[in-house]
Protein backbone atom coordinates (compact mmCIF):
# COMPACT_ATOMS: atom_id res chain seq x y z
CA MET A 1 -58.26 -118.22 9.17
CA ILE A 2 -60.73 -118.15 6.08
CA GLU A 3 -59.33 -121.45 5.07
CA LEU A 4 -60.03 -123.09 8.41
CA LEU A 5 -63.41 -121.53 8.45
CA SER A 6 -64.13 -122.97 5.04
CA ALA A 7 -62.92 -126.40 6.19
CA LEU A 8 -65.27 -126.05 9.19
CA TRP A 9 -68.25 -124.90 7.02
CA LEU A 10 -67.64 -127.86 4.57
CA GLY A 11 -67.82 -130.34 7.54
CA ILE A 12 -71.09 -128.82 8.82
CA LEU A 13 -72.48 -128.83 5.22
CA THR A 14 -71.61 -132.48 5.00
CA SER A 15 -73.23 -133.31 8.16
CA ILE A 16 -76.56 -131.69 7.31
CA SER A 17 -76.69 -133.02 3.74
CA PRO A 18 -79.62 -135.42 3.32
CA CYS A 19 -77.68 -138.74 3.31
CA PRO A 20 -75.39 -138.04 6.30
CA LEU A 21 -78.08 -136.34 8.15
CA ALA A 22 -80.35 -139.27 7.92
CA THR A 23 -77.56 -141.54 8.90
CA ASN A 24 -76.71 -139.37 11.89
CA ILE A 25 -80.28 -138.99 12.99
CA ALA A 26 -80.91 -142.77 12.75
CA ALA A 27 -77.69 -143.61 14.49
CA VAL A 28 -78.14 -141.24 17.44
CA SER A 29 -81.81 -142.28 17.77
CA PHE A 30 -80.70 -145.91 17.61
CA LEU A 31 -78.17 -145.31 20.40
CA SER A 32 -80.78 -143.61 22.59
CA LYS A 33 -82.93 -146.74 22.36
CA LYS A 34 -80.08 -149.19 23.30
CA VAL A 35 -78.97 -147.17 26.24
CA ASN A 36 -81.42 -146.13 29.29
CA HIS A 37 -79.45 -143.63 31.03
CA PRO A 38 -79.41 -140.16 29.49
CA ARG A 39 -75.70 -139.62 30.36
CA ALA A 40 -74.86 -143.00 28.86
CA VAL A 41 -76.75 -141.84 25.69
CA PHE A 42 -74.81 -138.55 25.49
CA LEU A 43 -71.43 -140.30 25.94
CA SER A 44 -72.32 -142.88 23.31
CA SER A 45 -73.50 -140.18 21.01
CA ILE A 46 -70.27 -138.07 21.47
CA ALA A 47 -68.19 -141.38 21.01
CA TYR A 48 -70.09 -141.83 17.70
CA VAL A 49 -69.22 -138.24 16.73
CA LEU A 50 -65.55 -138.78 17.47
CA GLY A 51 -65.50 -142.04 15.53
CA ARG A 52 -66.77 -139.94 12.41
CA MET A 53 -64.14 -137.26 13.11
CA VAL A 54 -61.32 -139.51 13.55
CA THR A 55 -62.13 -141.23 10.26
CA TYR A 56 -62.30 -138.02 8.34
CA THR A 57 -59.15 -136.77 9.96
CA VAL A 58 -57.05 -139.89 9.22
CA ILE A 59 -58.13 -140.27 5.74
CA GLY A 60 -57.59 -136.66 4.79
CA SER A 61 -54.30 -136.56 6.57
CA VAL A 62 -53.10 -139.64 4.89
CA ILE A 63 -54.07 -138.41 1.50
CA ILE A 64 -52.50 -134.98 2.05
CA ALA A 65 -49.34 -136.39 3.59
CA SER A 66 -48.90 -138.94 0.91
CA LEU A 67 -49.40 -136.41 -1.93
CA VAL A 68 -46.87 -133.81 -0.62
CA SER A 69 -44.27 -136.38 0.37
CA VAL A 70 -43.87 -137.77 -3.15
CA PRO A 71 -41.43 -135.49 -4.99
CA SER A 72 -42.94 -135.86 -8.40
CA ILE A 73 -46.45 -135.32 -7.11
CA ALA A 74 -45.33 -132.40 -4.86
CA ASN A 75 -43.59 -130.66 -7.82
CA PHE A 76 -46.78 -131.24 -9.89
CA LEU A 77 -48.99 -129.80 -7.31
CA GLN A 78 -46.79 -126.72 -6.91
CA ILE A 79 -46.82 -125.94 -10.58
CA TYR A 80 -50.21 -127.03 -11.59
CA LEU A 81 -52.54 -127.03 -8.50
CA ASN A 82 -53.82 -123.55 -9.06
CA LYS A 83 -54.75 -124.55 -12.68
CA VAL A 84 -56.38 -127.88 -11.55
CA ILE A 85 -58.44 -126.25 -8.70
CA GLY A 86 -60.59 -124.12 -10.91
CA PRO A 87 -62.02 -127.06 -12.97
CA ILE A 88 -62.45 -129.22 -9.87
CA LEU A 89 -64.30 -126.36 -8.14
CA ILE A 90 -66.60 -125.91 -11.16
CA ILE A 91 -67.36 -129.62 -11.18
CA VAL A 92 -68.23 -129.82 -7.46
CA GLY A 93 -70.26 -126.56 -7.84
CA LEU A 94 -72.25 -128.12 -10.57
CA PHE A 95 -72.88 -131.16 -8.56
CA LEU A 96 -74.01 -129.26 -5.45
CA LEU A 97 -76.35 -127.43 -7.72
CA ASP A 98 -77.82 -130.91 -8.98
CA ILE A 99 -76.66 -130.15 -12.52
CA ILE A 100 -74.41 -133.25 -12.70
CA LYS A 101 -74.59 -136.41 -10.49
CA PHE A 102 -72.41 -139.42 -9.73
CA ALA A 103 -72.51 -142.51 -7.52
CA ALA A 104 -70.20 -142.75 -4.43
CA PHE A 105 -68.85 -145.70 -2.57
CA SER A 106 -71.21 -147.02 0.10
CA LEU A 107 -70.57 -149.19 3.07
CA SER A 108 -73.42 -151.39 4.46
CA LEU A 109 -73.59 -152.70 7.91
CA SER A 110 -76.06 -155.35 9.02
CA HIS A 111 -78.91 -154.54 11.48
CA GLU A 112 -77.46 -157.27 13.85
CA ARG A 113 -73.91 -155.83 13.91
CA GLN A 114 -75.31 -152.33 14.53
CA ASN A 115 -77.17 -153.77 17.44
CA LYS A 116 -73.90 -155.47 18.78
CA LEU A 117 -71.97 -152.12 18.41
CA ALA A 118 -74.67 -149.91 19.82
CA GLU A 119 -75.18 -152.30 23.00
CA SER A 120 -71.29 -152.42 23.63
CA GLY A 121 -71.26 -148.90 24.92
CA ALA A 122 -69.08 -145.80 23.94
CA GLY A 123 -66.46 -148.12 22.23
CA GLY A 124 -69.01 -149.72 19.98
CA ALA A 125 -70.65 -146.26 19.30
CA PHE A 126 -67.03 -144.92 18.28
CA LEU A 127 -66.62 -147.70 15.93
CA LEU A 128 -70.14 -147.36 14.44
CA GLY A 129 -69.18 -143.63 13.76
CA MET A 130 -65.97 -144.78 12.15
CA LEU A 131 -67.73 -147.26 9.86
CA PHE A 132 -70.67 -144.90 8.83
CA ALA A 133 -68.06 -142.28 8.00
CA LEU A 134 -66.58 -144.57 5.41
CA SER A 135 -69.87 -144.70 3.56
CA PHE A 136 -69.31 -141.57 1.36
CA CYS A 137 -72.63 -140.50 0.08
CA PRO A 138 -72.22 -138.46 -3.30
CA ILE A 139 -72.46 -134.93 -1.63
CA ALA A 140 -70.06 -136.02 1.26
CA ALA A 141 -67.59 -137.52 -1.41
CA ALA A 142 -67.79 -134.23 -3.37
CA LEU A 143 -67.28 -131.94 -0.61
CA PHE A 144 -64.43 -134.05 1.07
CA PHE A 145 -62.51 -135.12 -1.88
CA GLY A 146 -63.40 -132.49 -4.41
CA SER A 147 -63.29 -129.47 -1.99
CA LEU A 148 -61.53 -130.15 1.27
CA ILE A 149 -58.45 -131.88 -0.04
CA PRO A 150 -57.72 -129.36 -2.89
CA LEU A 151 -58.13 -126.49 -0.28
CA ALA A 152 -55.87 -128.28 2.09
CA LEU A 153 -53.31 -128.99 -0.57
CA ASN A 154 -53.26 -125.17 -1.42
CA SER A 155 -52.55 -124.31 2.20
CA LYS A 156 -49.41 -124.30 4.21
CA ILE A 157 -51.21 -125.85 7.20
CA GLY A 158 -53.40 -128.35 5.06
CA ILE A 159 -52.79 -131.09 7.49
CA VAL A 160 -54.96 -129.31 9.96
CA HIS A 161 -57.86 -129.01 7.46
CA PRO A 162 -59.16 -132.61 7.95
CA PHE A 163 -59.36 -132.29 11.71
CA ILE A 164 -61.37 -128.93 11.39
CA TYR A 165 -63.59 -130.60 8.81
CA GLY A 166 -64.27 -133.45 11.25
CA ILE A 167 -65.15 -131.05 14.02
CA GLY A 168 -67.73 -129.45 11.55
CA THR A 169 -69.31 -132.86 10.85
CA GLY A 170 -69.64 -133.42 14.40
CA ILE A 171 -71.32 -130.20 15.63
CA PRO A 172 -75.00 -130.77 14.26
CA VAL A 173 -74.78 -134.47 15.61
CA ALA A 174 -73.66 -133.31 18.99
CA ILE A 175 -76.63 -130.78 19.14
CA PHE A 176 -78.99 -133.38 18.15
CA ALA A 177 -77.57 -135.69 21.00
CA LEU A 178 -77.89 -132.90 23.60
CA GLY A 179 -81.63 -132.57 22.44
CA ILE A 180 -82.22 -136.18 23.15
CA VAL A 181 -80.42 -136.12 26.44
CA PHE A 182 -82.58 -133.28 27.75
CA GLY A 183 -85.69 -134.85 26.47
CA LEU A 184 -86.71 -132.40 23.71
CA LYS A 185 -89.23 -134.64 21.91
CA SER A 186 -89.82 -131.99 19.18
CA PHE A 187 -86.05 -131.68 18.71
CA SER A 188 -85.97 -134.54 16.15
CA LYS A 189 -88.58 -132.94 13.98
CA TRP A 190 -86.67 -129.53 14.21
CA PHE A 191 -83.33 -131.23 13.30
CA ARG A 192 -84.98 -132.75 10.22
CA LYS A 193 -86.08 -129.32 9.09
CA THR A 194 -82.36 -128.70 8.64
CA ALA A 195 -82.70 -130.43 5.37
CA LYS A 196 -84.38 -127.27 4.02
CA LEU A 197 -81.53 -125.21 5.27
CA GLU A 198 -79.09 -127.67 3.88
CA LEU A 199 -80.64 -127.29 0.39
CA TRP A 200 -80.21 -123.42 0.43
CA ALA A 201 -76.72 -123.65 1.97
CA ARG A 202 -75.67 -126.22 -0.69
CA LYS A 203 -77.02 -124.16 -3.59
CA ILE A 204 -75.12 -121.07 -2.23
CA THR A 205 -72.05 -122.85 -1.59
CA GLY A 206 -72.48 -124.43 -5.26
CA VAL A 207 -72.75 -120.82 -6.74
CA ILE A 208 -69.72 -119.62 -4.64
CA PHE A 209 -67.63 -122.84 -6.00
CA LEU A 210 -68.74 -122.06 -9.57
CA VAL A 211 -67.58 -118.29 -9.21
CA VAL A 212 -64.26 -119.13 -7.49
CA GLY A 213 -63.65 -121.86 -10.03
CA ILE A 214 -64.20 -119.70 -13.03
CA TYR A 215 -61.96 -117.05 -11.40
CA PHE A 216 -59.22 -119.72 -11.13
CA VAL A 217 -59.61 -120.86 -14.60
CA TRP A 218 -59.55 -117.32 -15.87
CA SER A 219 -56.65 -116.12 -13.84
CA HIS A 220 -54.43 -119.26 -14.03
CA ILE A 221 -55.37 -120.84 -17.45
CA LEU A 222 -57.29 -118.53 -19.94
CA ILE A 223 -55.35 -115.45 -19.24
CA ASN A 224 -52.08 -117.08 -20.32
CA ILE A 225 -53.82 -118.04 -23.62
CA PHE A 226 -55.28 -114.70 -24.42
C-alpha cells in the first residue's frame, strides 16, 4: 500500500512541478478557448489527462516488463537492485534539491498542430496529452525514470505502479479543468500558486530520498565492507 501511495505521490509531484504544471495549465486553457461548451471543455480536458496517463502507463509498463523478462537482467536486478537503488535515490534527491542538474529530452509541437489537435475534439486532446507527456522535463524524468521505475522493479506488483503514477499526474489537471468548467476565474491564479507548494514538496521529497538512499547504501553496501 505504501508503495502504491508513493507512486501516486510521485505522479502528483510530477504534475505540479514547474515545467509540467506550466504545460498542463497552457494545454487546458488552450482547449477551453477552442471549445465553447463547458461540458465539451471538460471532456476534452479529461481526454488530455487520459492521454498523459496512458503514455506514462505504457512507457513504464514496457520498461518494467522488458527488464524483468530478460533472464540476465532479471537475475542482475534480483541480486543487485537493493545495492543500486541507494545511489539512484541519492542522485535523484540531490537533483530535487537543485544541487545537481541535467537536461532531459524535449518534444516540441508547432502551434499550428496544437490548434488542429485542440479543434478536433476529445480525440485530438487525447493525442495532445500523449505528445506532451513524451516531453520529459528534467524533474519529470528524474521522478519517472529515477524513482518510479526502481520503486516498481523492487515490488511484486511493479507493473501497476506506472498506472497509479499516471493517475497521480492527472489529479491536479482534472481539478483545474473542473475550475474552468464551473467558471472559477480566480482558479487559474490559485492553481499557479501550487508552484510554491511544489517547491516545498519537492524539497521534502528530496530530503526523504537522500535519507532512504543513504540507508540503502549503508545497509546493502557499506555494512558488508565494514
